[in-house]
PDB file of N, CA and C in Angstrom:
ATOM      1  N   MET A   1       6.271  15.522  48.904  1.00  0.00           N
ATOM      2  CA  MET A   1       5.335  16.099  49.822  1.00  0.00           C
ATOM      3  C   MET A   1       5.619  15.544  51.213  1.00  0.00           C
ATOM      4  N   LYS A   2       5.505  16.380  52.175  1.00  0.00           N
ATOM      5  CA  LYS A   2       5.723  15.959  53.550  1.00  0.00           C
ATOM      6  C   LYS A   2       4.372  15.903  54.240  1.00  0.00           C
ATOM      7  N   THR A   3       4.106  14.768  54.918  1.00  0.00           N
ATOM      8  CA  THR A   3       2.828  14.588  55.601  1.00  0.00           C
ATOM      9  C   THR A   3       3.019  13.681  56.801  1.00  0.00           C
ATOM     10  N   SER A   4       1.978  13.542  57.593  1.00  0.00           N
ATOM     11  CA  SER A   4       2.003  12.626  58.740  1.00  0.00           C
ATOM     12  C   SER A   4       0.975  11.537  58.507  1.00  0.00           C
ATOM     13  N   LEU A   5       1.374  10.303  58.796  1.00  0.00           N
ATOM     14  CA  LEU A   5       0.486   9.163  58.648  1.00  0.00           C
ATOM     15  C   LEU A   5       0.582   8.273  59.870  1.00  0.00           C
ATOM     16  N   LYS A   6      -0.502   7.590  60.175  1.00  0.00           N
ATOM     17  CA  LYS A   6      -0.464   6.571  61.221  1.00  0.00           C
ATOM     18  C   LYS A   6      -0.205   5.259  60.512  1.00  0.00           C
ATOM     19  N   ILE A   7       0.873   4.595  60.879  1.00  0.00           N
ATOM     20  CA  ILE A   7       1.273   3.332  60.252  1.00  0.00           C
ATOM     21  C   ILE A   7       1.333   2.263  61.330  1.00  0.00           C
ATOM     22  N   ASP A   8       0.823   1.108  61.006  1.00  0.00           N
ATOM     23  CA  ASP A   8       0.859  -0.018  61.934  1.00  0.00           C
ATOM     24  C   ASP A   8       2.301  -0.276  62.359  1.00  0.00           C
ATOM     25  N   ASP A   9       2.501  -0.591  63.630  1.00  0.00           N
ATOM     26  CA  ASP A   9       3.850  -0.814  64.169  1.00  0.00           C
ATOM     27  C   ASP A   9       4.610  -1.897  63.412  1.00  0.00           C
ATOM     28  N   SER A  10       3.914  -2.981  63.068  1.00  0.00           N
ATOM     29  CA  SER A  10       4.596  -4.078  62.374  1.00  0.00           C
ATOM     30  C   SER A  10       5.050  -3.645  60.979  1.00  0.00           C
ATOM     31  N   VAL A  11       4.255  -2.826  60.311  1.00  0.00           N
ATOM     32  CA  VAL A  11       4.641  -2.322  58.987  1.00  0.00           C
ATOM     33  C   VAL A  11       5.870  -1.430  59.115  1.00  0.00           C
ATOM     34  N   PHE A  12       5.865  -0.574  60.123  1.00  0.00           N
ATOM     35  CA  PHE A  12       7.014   0.309  60.325  1.00  0.00           C
ATOM     36  C   PHE A  12       8.286  -0.483  60.626  1.00  0.00           C
ATOM     37  N   GLN A  13       8.160  -1.531  61.470  1.00  0.00           N
ATOM     38  CA  GLN A  13       9.325  -2.336  61.807  1.00  0.00           C
ATOM     39  C   GLN A  13       9.877  -3.051  60.574  1.00  0.00           C
ATOM     40  N   GLU A  14       8.978  -3.570  59.727  1.00  0.00           N
ATOM     41  CA  GLU A  14       9.427  -4.224  58.491  1.00  0.00           C
ATOM     42  C   GLU A  14      10.093  -3.217  57.563  1.00  0.00           C
ATOM     43  N   ALA A  15       9.540  -2.027  57.497  1.00  0.00           N
ATOM     44  CA  ALA A  15      10.123  -0.978  56.650  1.00  0.00           C
ATOM     45  C   ALA A  15      11.498  -0.581  57.177  1.00  0.00           C
ATOM     46  N   LYS A  16      11.630  -0.550  58.477  1.00  0.00           N
ATOM     47  CA  LYS A  16      12.915  -0.205  59.095  1.00  0.00           C
ATOM     48  C   LYS A  16      13.975  -1.268  58.750  1.00  0.00           C
ATOM     49  N   LYS A  17      13.591  -2.552  58.823  1.00  0.00           N
ATOM     50  CA  LYS A  17      14.511  -3.636  58.466  1.00  0.00           C
ATOM     51  C   LYS A  17      14.905  -3.534  56.992  1.00  0.00           C
ATOM     52  N   ALA A  18      13.899  -3.316  56.131  1.00  0.00           N
ATOM     53  CA  ALA A  18      14.178  -3.192  54.695  1.00  0.00           C
ATOM     54  C   ALA A  18      15.070  -1.993  54.422  1.00  0.00           C
ATOM     55  N   SER A  19      14.905  -0.945  55.205  1.00  0.00           N
ATOM     56  CA  SER A  19      15.725   0.260  55.064  1.00  0.00           C
ATOM     57  C   SER A  19      17.192  -0.038  55.375  1.00  0.00           C
ATOM     58  N   LEU A  20      17.422  -0.773  56.450  1.00  0.00           N
ATOM     59  CA  LEU A  20      18.795  -1.112  56.838  1.00  0.00           C
ATOM     60  C   LEU A  20      19.449  -2.032  55.804  1.00  0.00           C
ATOM     61  N   GLN A  21      18.664  -2.954  55.246  1.00  0.00           N
ATOM     62  CA  GLN A  21      19.205  -3.895  54.271  1.00  0.00           C
ATOM     63  C   GLN A  21      19.492  -3.239  52.924  1.00  0.00           C
ATOM     64  N   SER A  22      18.667  -2.268  52.543  1.00  0.00           N
ATOM     65  CA  SER A  22      18.796  -1.680  51.201  1.00  0.00           C
ATOM     66  C   SER A  22      19.585  -0.378  51.163  1.00  0.00           C
ATOM     67  N   GLY A  23      19.728   0.252  52.320  1.00  0.00           N
ATOM     68  CA  GLY A  23      20.409   1.543  52.344  1.00  0.00           C
ATOM     69  C   GLY A  23      19.484   2.706  51.993  1.00  0.00           C
ATOM     70  N   LYS A  24      18.212   2.421  51.787  1.00  0.00           N
ATOM     71  CA  LYS A  24      17.237   3.472  51.506  1.00  0.00           C
ATOM     72  C   LYS A  24      16.629   3.943  52.820  1.00  0.00           C
ATOM     73  N   THR A  25      15.975   5.094  52.782  1.00  0.00           N
ATOM     74  CA  THR A  25      15.314   5.597  53.983  1.00  0.00           C
ATOM     75  C   THR A  25      13.991   4.856  54.179  1.00  0.00           C
ATOM     76  N   VAL A  26      13.480   4.922  55.396  1.00  0.00           N
ATOM     77  CA  VAL A  26      12.193   4.313  55.703  1.00  0.00           C
ATOM     78  C   VAL A  26      11.112   4.948  54.824  1.00  0.00           C
ATOM     79  N   SER A  27      11.191   6.249  54.622  1.00  0.00           N
ATOM     80  CA  SER A  27      10.225   6.947  53.765  1.00  0.00           C
ATOM     81  C   SER A  27      10.264   6.412  52.340  1.00  0.00           C
ATOM     82  N   GLU A  28      11.464   6.171  51.817  1.00  0.00           N
ATOM     83  CA  GLU A  28      11.591   5.635  50.459  1.00  0.00           C
ATOM     84  C   GLU A  28      10.986   4.229  50.365  1.00  0.00           C
ATOM     85  N   ILE A  29      11.229   3.416  51.390  1.00  0.00           N
ATOM     86  CA  ILE A  29      10.696   2.054  51.415  1.00  0.00           C
ATOM     87  C   ILE A  29       9.169   2.078  51.436  1.00  0.00           C
ATOM     88  N   ILE A  30       8.596   2.857  52.352  1.00  0.00           N
ATOM     89  CA  ILE A  30       7.142   2.915  52.471  1.00  0.00           C
ATOM     90  C   ILE A  30       6.529   3.511  51.205  1.00  0.00           C
ATOM     91  N   ASN A  31       7.169   4.481  50.619  1.00  0.00           N
ATOM     92  CA  ASN A  31       6.688   5.071  49.373  1.00  0.00           C
ATOM     93  C   ASN A  31       6.686   4.018  48.255  1.00  0.00           C
ATOM     94  N   GLN A  32       7.746   3.221  48.194  1.00  0.00           N
ATOM     95  CA  GLN A  32       7.839   2.163  47.190  1.00  0.00           C
ATOM     96  C   GLN A  32       6.726   1.126  47.407  1.00  0.00           C
ATOM     97  N   TRP A  33       6.517   0.733  48.655  1.00  0.00           N
ATOM     98  CA  TRP A  33       5.463  -0.231  48.967  1.00  0.00           C
ATOM     99  C   TRP A  33       4.088   0.331  48.604  1.00  0.00           C
ATOM    100  N   ALA A  34       3.863   1.594  48.917  1.00  0.00           N
ATOM    101  CA  ALA A  34       2.577   2.224  48.605  1.00  0.00           C
ATOM    102  C   ALA A  34       2.357   2.264  47.095  1.00  0.00           C
ATOM    103  N   SER A  35       3.400   2.562  46.343  1.00  0.00           N
ATOM    104  CA  SER A  35       3.281   2.612  44.883  1.00  0.00           C
ATOM    105  C   SER A  35       2.958   1.229  44.320  1.00  0.00           C
ATOM    106  N   LEU A  36       3.643   0.206  44.828  1.00  0.00           N
ATOM    107  CA  LEU A  36       3.374  -1.165  44.377  1.00  0.00           C
ATOM    108  C   LEU A  36       1.953  -1.592  44.742  1.00  0.00           C
ATOM    109  N   GLY A  37       1.535  -1.268  45.945  1.00  0.00           N
ATOM    110  CA  GLY A  37       0.187  -1.605  46.388  1.00  0.00           C
ATOM    111  C   GLY A  37      -0.864  -0.903  45.538  1.00  0.00           C
ATOM    112  N   ARG A  38      -0.600   0.340  45.180  1.00  0.00           N
ATOM    113  CA  ARG A  38      -1.530   1.093  44.337  1.00  0.00           C
ATOM    114  C   ARG A  38      -1.645   0.453  42.955  1.00  0.00           C
ATOM    115  N   GLN A  39      -0.516   0.006  42.400  1.00  0.00           N
ATOM    116  CA  GLN A  39      -0.535  -0.650  41.088  1.00  0.00           C
ATOM    117  C   GLN A  39      -1.365  -1.932  41.137  1.00  0.00           C
ATOM    118  N   VAL A  40      -1.174  -2.721  42.173  1.00  0.00           N
ATOM    119  CA  VAL A  40      -1.926  -3.969  42.329  1.00  0.00           C
ATOM    120  C   VAL A  40      -3.413  -3.657  42.490  1.00  0.00           C
ATOM    121  N   TRP A  41      -3.734  -2.668  43.319  1.00  0.00           N
ATOM    122  CA  TRP A  41      -5.114  -2.291  43.562  1.00  0.00           C
ATOM    123  C   TRP A  41      -5.790  -1.831  42.273  1.00  0.00           C
ATOM    124  N   LYS A  42      -5.088  -1.008  41.479  1.00  0.00           N
ATOM    125  CA  LYS A  42      -5.650  -0.528  40.217  1.00  0.00           C
ATOM    126  C   LYS A  42      -5.879  -1.687  39.250  1.00  0.00           C
ATOM    127  N   LYS A  43      -4.929  -2.617  39.199  1.00  0.00           N
ATOM    128  CA  LYS A  43      -5.055  -3.770  38.302  1.00  0.00           C
ATOM    129  C   LYS A  43      -6.252  -4.626  38.710  1.00  0.00           C
ATOM    130  N   GLN A  44      -6.410  -4.870  40.000  1.00  0.00           N
ATOM    131  CA  GLN A  44      -7.525  -5.682  40.482  1.00  0.00           C
ATOM    132  C   GLN A  44      -8.855  -4.985  40.236  1.00  0.00           C
ATOM    133  N   SER A  45      -8.910  -3.677  40.441  1.00  0.00           N
ATOM    134  CA  SER A  45     -10.178  -2.978  40.253  1.00  0.00           C
ATOM    135  C   SER A  45     -10.576  -2.923  38.783  1.00  0.00           C
ATOM    136  N   THR A  46      -9.600  -2.850  37.867  1.00  0.00           N
ATOM    137  CA  THR A  46      -9.954  -2.859  36.443  1.00  0.00           C
ATOM    138  C   THR A  46     -10.350  -4.253  36.003  1.00  0.00           C
ATOM    139  N   GLN A  47      -9.760  -5.288  36.591  1.00  0.00           N
ATOM    140  CA  GLN A  47     -10.139  -6.661  36.261  1.00  0.00           C
ATOM    141  C   GLN A  47     -11.563  -6.948  36.725  1.00  0.00           C
ATOM    142  N   ARG A  48     -11.929  -6.431  37.898  1.00  0.00           N
ATOM    143  CA  ARG A  48     -13.286  -6.638  38.400  1.00  0.00           C
ATOM    144  C   ARG A  48     -14.302  -5.939  37.507  1.00  0.00           C
ATOM    145  N   SER A  49     -13.971  -4.751  37.031  1.00  0.00           N
ATOM    146  CA  SER A  49     -14.931  -4.007  36.226  1.00  0.00           C
ATOM    147  C   SER A  49     -15.057  -4.576  34.812  1.00  0.00           C
ATOM    148  N   LYS A  50     -14.090  -5.382  34.371  1.00  0.00           N
ATOM    149  CA  LYS A  50     -14.143  -5.966  33.038  1.00  0.00           C
ATOM    150  C   LYS A  50     -15.084  -7.160  32.966  1.00  0.00           C
ATOM    151  N   LYS A  51     -15.426  -7.738  34.109  1.00  0.00           N
ATOM    152  CA  LYS A  51     -16.299  -8.897  34.118  1.00  0.00           C
ATOM    153  C   LYS A  51     -17.714  -8.444  33.779  1.00  0.00           C
ATOM    154  N   LYS A  52     -18.185  -8.882  32.639  1.00  0.00           N
ATOM    155  CA  LYS A  52     -19.543  -8.555  32.232  1.00  0.00           C
ATOM    156  C   LYS A  52     -20.294  -9.849  32.003  1.00  0.00           C
ATOM    157  N   PHE A  53     -21.484  -9.872  32.507  1.00  0.00           N
ATOM    158  CA  PHE A  53     -22.308 -11.051  32.364  1.00  0.00           C
ATOM    159  C   PHE A  53     -23.419 -10.764  31.365  1.00  0.00           C
ATOM    160  N   THR A  54     -23.588 -11.684  30.454  1.00  0.00           N
ATOM    161  CA  THR A  54     -24.650 -11.531  29.473  1.00  0.00           C
ATOM    162  C   THR A  54     -25.740 -12.540  29.788  1.00  0.00           C
ATOM    163  N   PRO A  55     -26.989 -12.098  29.698  1.00  0.00           N
ATOM    164  CA  PRO A  55     -28.076 -13.021  29.999  1.00  0.00           C
ATOM    165  C   PRO A  55     -28.169 -14.128  28.956  1.00  0.00           C
ATOM    166  N   VAL A  56     -28.570 -15.284  29.402  1.00  0.00           N
ATOM    167  CA  VAL A  56     -28.701 -16.437  28.523  1.00  0.00           C
ATOM    168  C   VAL A  56     -30.136 -16.951  28.637  1.00  0.00           C
ATOM    169  N   ASP A  57     -30.757 -17.189  27.517  1.00  0.00           N
ATOM    170  CA  ASP A  57     -32.109 -17.731  27.516  1.00  0.00           C
ATOM    171  C   ASP A  57     -32.024 -19.222  27.820  1.00  0.00           C
ATOM    172  N   LEU A  58     -32.616 -19.638  28.921  1.00  0.00           N
ATOM    173  CA  LEU A  58     -32.569 -21.036  29.322  1.00  0.00           C
ATOM    174  C   LEU A  58     -33.776 -21.820  28.816  1.00  0.00           C
ATOM    175  N   GLY A  59     -34.587 -21.178  28.024  1.00  0.00           N
ATOM    176  CA  GLY A  59     -35.739 -21.864  27.447  1.00  0.00           C
ATOM    177  C   GLY A  59     -36.961 -21.732  28.317  1.00  0.00           C
ATOM    178  N   GLN A  60     -37.933 -22.551  28.027  1.00  0.00           N
ATOM    179  CA  GLN A  60     -39.210 -22.510  28.724  1.00  0.00           C
ATOM    180  C   GLN A  60     -39.052 -22.993  30.163  1.00  0.00           C
ATOM    181  N   GLN A  61     -39.755 -22.329  31.073  1.00  0.00           N
ATOM    182  CA  GLN A  61     -39.739 -22.712  32.475  1.00  0.00           C
ATOM    183  C   GLN A  61     -40.436 -24.058  32.622  1.00  0.00           C
ATOM    184  N   LEU A  62     -39.774 -25.015  33.261  1.00  0.00           N
ATOM    185  CA  LEU A  62     -40.322 -26.360  33.377  1.00  0.00           C
ATOM    186  C   LEU A  62     -41.135 -26.579  34.648  1.00  0.00           C
ATOM    187  N   ILE A  63     -40.836 -25.790  35.678  1.00  0.00           N
ATOM    188  CA  ILE A  63     -41.588 -25.919  36.917  1.00  0.00           C
ATOM    189  C   ILE A  63     -41.996 -24.539  37.389  1.00  0.00           C
ATOM    190  N   ASP A  64     -43.039 -24.505  38.188  1.00  0.00           N
ATOM    191  CA  ASP A  64     -43.516 -23.249  38.763  1.00  0.00           C
ATOM    192  C   ASP A  64     -42.873 -23.112  40.141  1.00  0.00           C
ATOM    193  N   VAL A  65     -41.860 -22.256  40.246  1.00  0.00           N
ATOM    194  CA  VAL A  65     -41.134 -22.134  41.511  1.00  0.00           C
ATOM    195  C   VAL A  65     -41.967 -21.474  42.594  1.00  0.00           C
ATOM    196  N   SER A  66     -43.055 -20.836  42.221  1.00  0.00           N
ATOM    197  CA  SER A  66     -43.915 -20.215  43.227  1.00  0.00           C
ATOM    198  C   SER A  66     -44.834 -21.252  43.890  1.00  0.00           C
ATOM    199  N   ASN A  67     -44.902 -22.454  43.321  1.00  0.00           N
ATOM    200  CA  ASN A  67     -45.746 -23.518  43.865  1.00  0.00           C
ATOM    201  C   ASN A  67     -44.840 -24.622  44.410  1.00  0.00           C
ATOM    202  N   ARG A  68     -44.646 -24.619  45.721  1.00  0.00           N
ATOM    203  CA  ARG A  68     -43.714 -25.543  46.356  1.00  0.00           C
ATOM    204  C   ARG A  68     -44.073 -27.003  46.085  1.00  0.00           C
ATOM    205  N   LYS A  69     -45.335 -27.333  46.162  1.00  0.00           N
ATOM    206  CA  LYS A  69     -45.751 -28.723  45.938  1.00  0.00           C
ATOM    207  C   LYS A  69     -45.378 -29.182  44.534  1.00  0.00           C
ATOM    208  N   SER A  70     -45.516 -28.277  43.582  1.00  0.00           N
ATOM    209  CA  SER A  70     -45.210 -28.605  42.192  1.00  0.00           C
ATOM    210  C   SER A  70     -43.735 -28.947  42.015  1.00  0.00           C
ATOM    211  N   TRP A  71     -42.852 -28.101  42.478  1.00  0.00           N
ATOM    212  CA  TRP A  71     -41.429 -28.378  42.251  1.00  0.00           C
ATOM    213  C   TRP A  71     -40.894 -29.471  43.150  1.00  0.00           C
ATOM    214  N   MET A  72     -41.500 -29.649  44.322  1.00  0.00           N
ATOM    215  CA  MET A  72     -41.089 -30.769  45.173  1.00  0.00           C
ATOM    216  C   MET A  72     -41.447 -32.097  44.501  1.00  0.00           C
ATOM    217  N   ALA A  73     -42.603 -32.138  43.840  1.00  0.00           N
ATOM    218  CA  ALA A  73     -43.021 -33.362  43.134  1.00  0.00           C
ATOM    219  C   ALA A  73     -42.057 -33.659  41.998  1.00  0.00           C
ATOM    220  N   VAL A  74     -41.621 -32.627  41.296  1.00  0.00           N
ATOM    221  CA  VAL A  74     -40.674 -32.822  40.200  1.00  0.00           C
ATOM    222  C   VAL A  74     -39.341 -33.344  40.740  1.00  0.00           C
ATOM    223  N   LEU A  75     -38.875 -32.777  41.849  1.00  0.00           N
ATOM    224  CA  LEU A  75     -37.614 -33.237  42.435  1.00  0.00           C
ATOM    225  C   LEU A  75     -37.721 -34.686  42.915  1.00  0.00           C
ATOM    226  N   GLU A  76     -38.812 -35.007  43.555  1.00  0.00           N
ATOM    227  CA  GLU A  76     -38.992 -36.383  44.044  1.00  0.00           C
ATOM    228  C   GLU A  76     -39.059 -37.368  42.881  1.00  0.00           C
ATOM    229  N   LYS A  77     -39.737 -36.957  41.817  1.00  0.00           N
ATOM    230  CA  LYS A  77     -39.845 -37.811  40.636  1.00  0.00           C
ATOM    231  C   LYS A  77     -38.479 -38.060  40.034  1.00  0.00           C
ATOM    232  N   ASN A  78     -37.652 -37.008  39.925  1.00  0.00           N
ATOM    233  CA  ASN A  78     -36.292 -37.141  39.366  1.00  0.00           C
ATOM    234  C   ASN A  78     -35.374 -37.898  40.311  1.00  0.00           C
ATOM    235  N   ASP A  79     -35.634 -37.830  41.611  1.00  0.00           N
ATOM    236  CA  ASP A  79     -34.819 -38.519  42.597  1.00  0.00           C
ATOM    237  C   ASP A  79     -35.015 -40.034  42.518  1.00  0.00           C
ATOM    238  N   ARG A  80     -36.183 -40.446  42.104  1.00  0.00           N
ATOM    239  CA  ARG A  80     -36.492 -41.885  42.027  1.00  0.00           C
ATOM    240  C   ARG A  80     -35.804 -42.536  40.836  1.00  0.00           C
ATOM    241  N   ARG A  81     -35.415 -41.775  39.879  1.00  0.00           N
ATOM    242  CA  ARG A  81     -34.812 -42.331  38.655  1.00  0.00           C
ATOM    243  C   ARG A  81     -33.452 -42.874  38.895  1.00  0.00           C
TER     244      ARG A  81
END
């Protein structure tokens, strides 16, 4: 497919250097880079979606977090130990 894209100057210059070194066209180089980037992106996005968190019962609540004085007293008491 033939299309027009805006490419950062530094990316184009690197692609041009890689083109001269490999004997491939700039289009082939950028296409190869895009394909590799897409593979990495797909792998990362599937790894992120695989992370599942399961809730864990931590037992009975020991302090009332809605009462600042209560939990501050507990922290101070534990700090003295």
